[in-house]
Amino acid sequence: MKRGEIWTLQADGYDSKPRPVVIVHSDTVDRKLLGYKVGVVDDASMTNIGRQLMRVLGLL
């Protein structure tokens, strides 16, 4: 599991359906919750995701 990969995540809670997630920090995800690798985000999009996360977290 690496930064930028897209996986399905099966979590208890709302509707309990597998949802797509983008890995932004590989050591914070419980691997038991991950299903299948679905794809990879390109570098430009991953840079944009990082910037948007910083904005949401108030780091910009």
C-alpha atoms as a PDB file:
ATOM      1  CA  MET A   1       0.000   0.000   0.000  1.00  0.00           C
ATOM      2  CA  LYS A   2       1.511   3.310  -1.125  1.00  0.00           C
ATOM      3  CA  ARG A   3       0.543   6.967  -1.277  1.00  0.00           C
ATOM      4  CA  GLY A   4      -1.750   7.654  -4.222  1.00  0.00           C
ATOM      5  CA  GLU A   5      -3.234   4.188  -4.505  1.00  0.00           C
ATOM      6  CA  ILE A   6      -7.016   3.800  -4.596  1.00  0.00           C
ATOM      7  CA  TRP A   7      -8.482   0.951  -2.522  1.00  0.00           C
ATOM      8  CA  THR A   8     -11.897  -0.161  -1.385  1.00  0.00           C
ATOM      9  CA  LEU A   9     -12.532   0.277   2.342  1.00  0.00           C
ATOM     10  CA  GLN A  10     -15.031  -1.827   4.246  1.00  0.00           C
ATOM     11  CA  ALA A  11     -15.915  -0.048   7.469  1.00  0.00           C
ATOM     12  CA  ASP A  12     -18.727  -0.664   9.902  1.00  0.00           C
ATOM     13  CA  GLY A  13     -21.259   2.108   9.932  1.00  0.00           C
ATOM     14  CA  TYR A  14     -23.257   3.886   7.285  1.00  0.00           C
ATOM     15  CA  ASP A  15     -24.597   1.351   4.810  1.00  0.00           C
ATOM     16  CA  SER A  16     -21.540  -0.906   5.320  1.00  0.00           C
ATOM     17  CA  LYS A  17     -20.789  -0.838   1.584  1.00  0.00           C
ATOM     18  CA  PRO A  18     -17.174  -0.835   0.380  1.00  0.00           C
ATOM     19  CA  ARG A  19     -16.155   2.740  -0.460  1.00  0.00           C
ATOM     20  CA  PRO A  20     -13.216   3.966  -2.568  1.00  0.00           C
ATOM     21  CA  VAL A  21     -10.415   5.660  -0.633  1.00  0.00           C
ATOM     22  CA  VAL A  22      -7.151   7.317  -1.694  1.00  0.00           C
ATOM     23  CA  ILE A  23      -4.140   6.505   0.461  1.00  0.00           C
ATOM     24  CA  VAL A  24      -2.503   9.775   1.530  1.00  0.00           C
ATOM     25  CA  HIS A  25      -0.356   8.400   4.377  1.00  0.00           C
ATOM     26  CA  SER A  26       0.349   4.675   4.247  1.00  0.00           C
ATOM     27  CA  ASP A  27       1.034   3.985   7.925  1.00  0.00           C
ATOM     28  CA  THR A  28      -2.335   5.272   9.280  1.00  0.00           C
ATOM     29  CA  VAL A  29      -4.694   2.709   7.710  1.00  0.00           C
ATOM     30  CA  ASP A  30      -5.671  -0.606   9.271  1.00  0.00           C
ATOM     31  CA  ARG A  31      -4.922  -3.027   6.427  1.00  0.00           C
ATOM     32  CA  LYS A  32      -7.648  -5.381   7.652  1.00  0.00           C
ATOM     33  CA  LEU A  33     -10.237  -2.815   6.526  1.00  0.00           C
ATOM     34  CA  LEU A  34      -8.913  -2.624   2.956  1.00  0.00           C
ATOM     35  CA  GLY A  35     -10.469  -4.687   0.212  1.00  0.00           C
ATOM     36  CA  TYR A  36      -9.083  -4.475  -3.304  1.00  0.00           C
ATOM     37  CA  LYS A  37      -6.687  -2.107  -5.027  1.00  0.00           C
ATOM     38  CA  VAL A  38      -8.680  -0.315  -7.720  1.00  0.00           C
ATOM     39  CA  GLY A  39      -6.133   2.039  -9.237  1.00  0.00           C
ATOM     40  CA  VAL A  40      -3.554   4.783  -8.751  1.00  0.00           C
ATOM     41  CA  VAL A  41      -3.916   8.579  -8.766  1.00  0.00           C
ATOM     42  CA  ASP A  42      -1.510  10.396 -11.104  1.00  0.00           C
ATOM     43  CA  ASP A  43       1.129  12.704  -9.591  1.00  0.00           C
ATOM     44  CA  ALA A  44      -0.567  15.978 -10.573  1.00  0.00           C
ATOM     45  CA  SER A  45      -3.875  14.899  -9.026  1.00  0.00           C
ATOM     46  CA  MET A  46      -2.125  13.667  -5.876  1.00  0.00           C
ATOM     47  CA  THR A  47      -0.436  17.070  -5.507  1.00  0.00           C
ATOM     48  CA  ASN A  48      -3.857  18.713  -5.796  1.00  0.00           C
ATOM     49  CA  ILE A  49      -5.335  16.324  -3.203  1.00  0.00           C
ATOM     50  CA  GLY A  50      -2.467  17.174  -0.822  1.00  0.00           C
ATOM     51  CA  ARG A  51      -3.079  20.904  -1.216  1.00  0.00           C
ATOM     52  CA  GLN A  52      -6.814  20.529  -0.655  1.00  0.00           C
ATOM     53  CA  LEU A  53      -6.228  18.446   2.482  1.00  0.00           C
ATOM     54  CA  MET A  54      -3.875  21.116   3.831  1.00  0.00           C
ATOM     55  CA  ARG A  55      -6.552  23.746   3.174  1.00  0.00           C
ATOM     56  CA  VAL A  56      -9.253  21.704   4.932  1.00  0.00           C
ATOM     57  CA  LEU A  57      -6.965  21.081   7.899  1.00  0.00           C
ATOM     58  CA  GLY A  58      -6.111  24.777   8.126  1.00  0.00           C
ATOM     59  CA  LEU A  59      -2.435  24.311   7.316  1.00  0.00           C
ATOM     60  CA  LEU A  60      -2.419  26.790   4.394  1.00  0.00           C
END
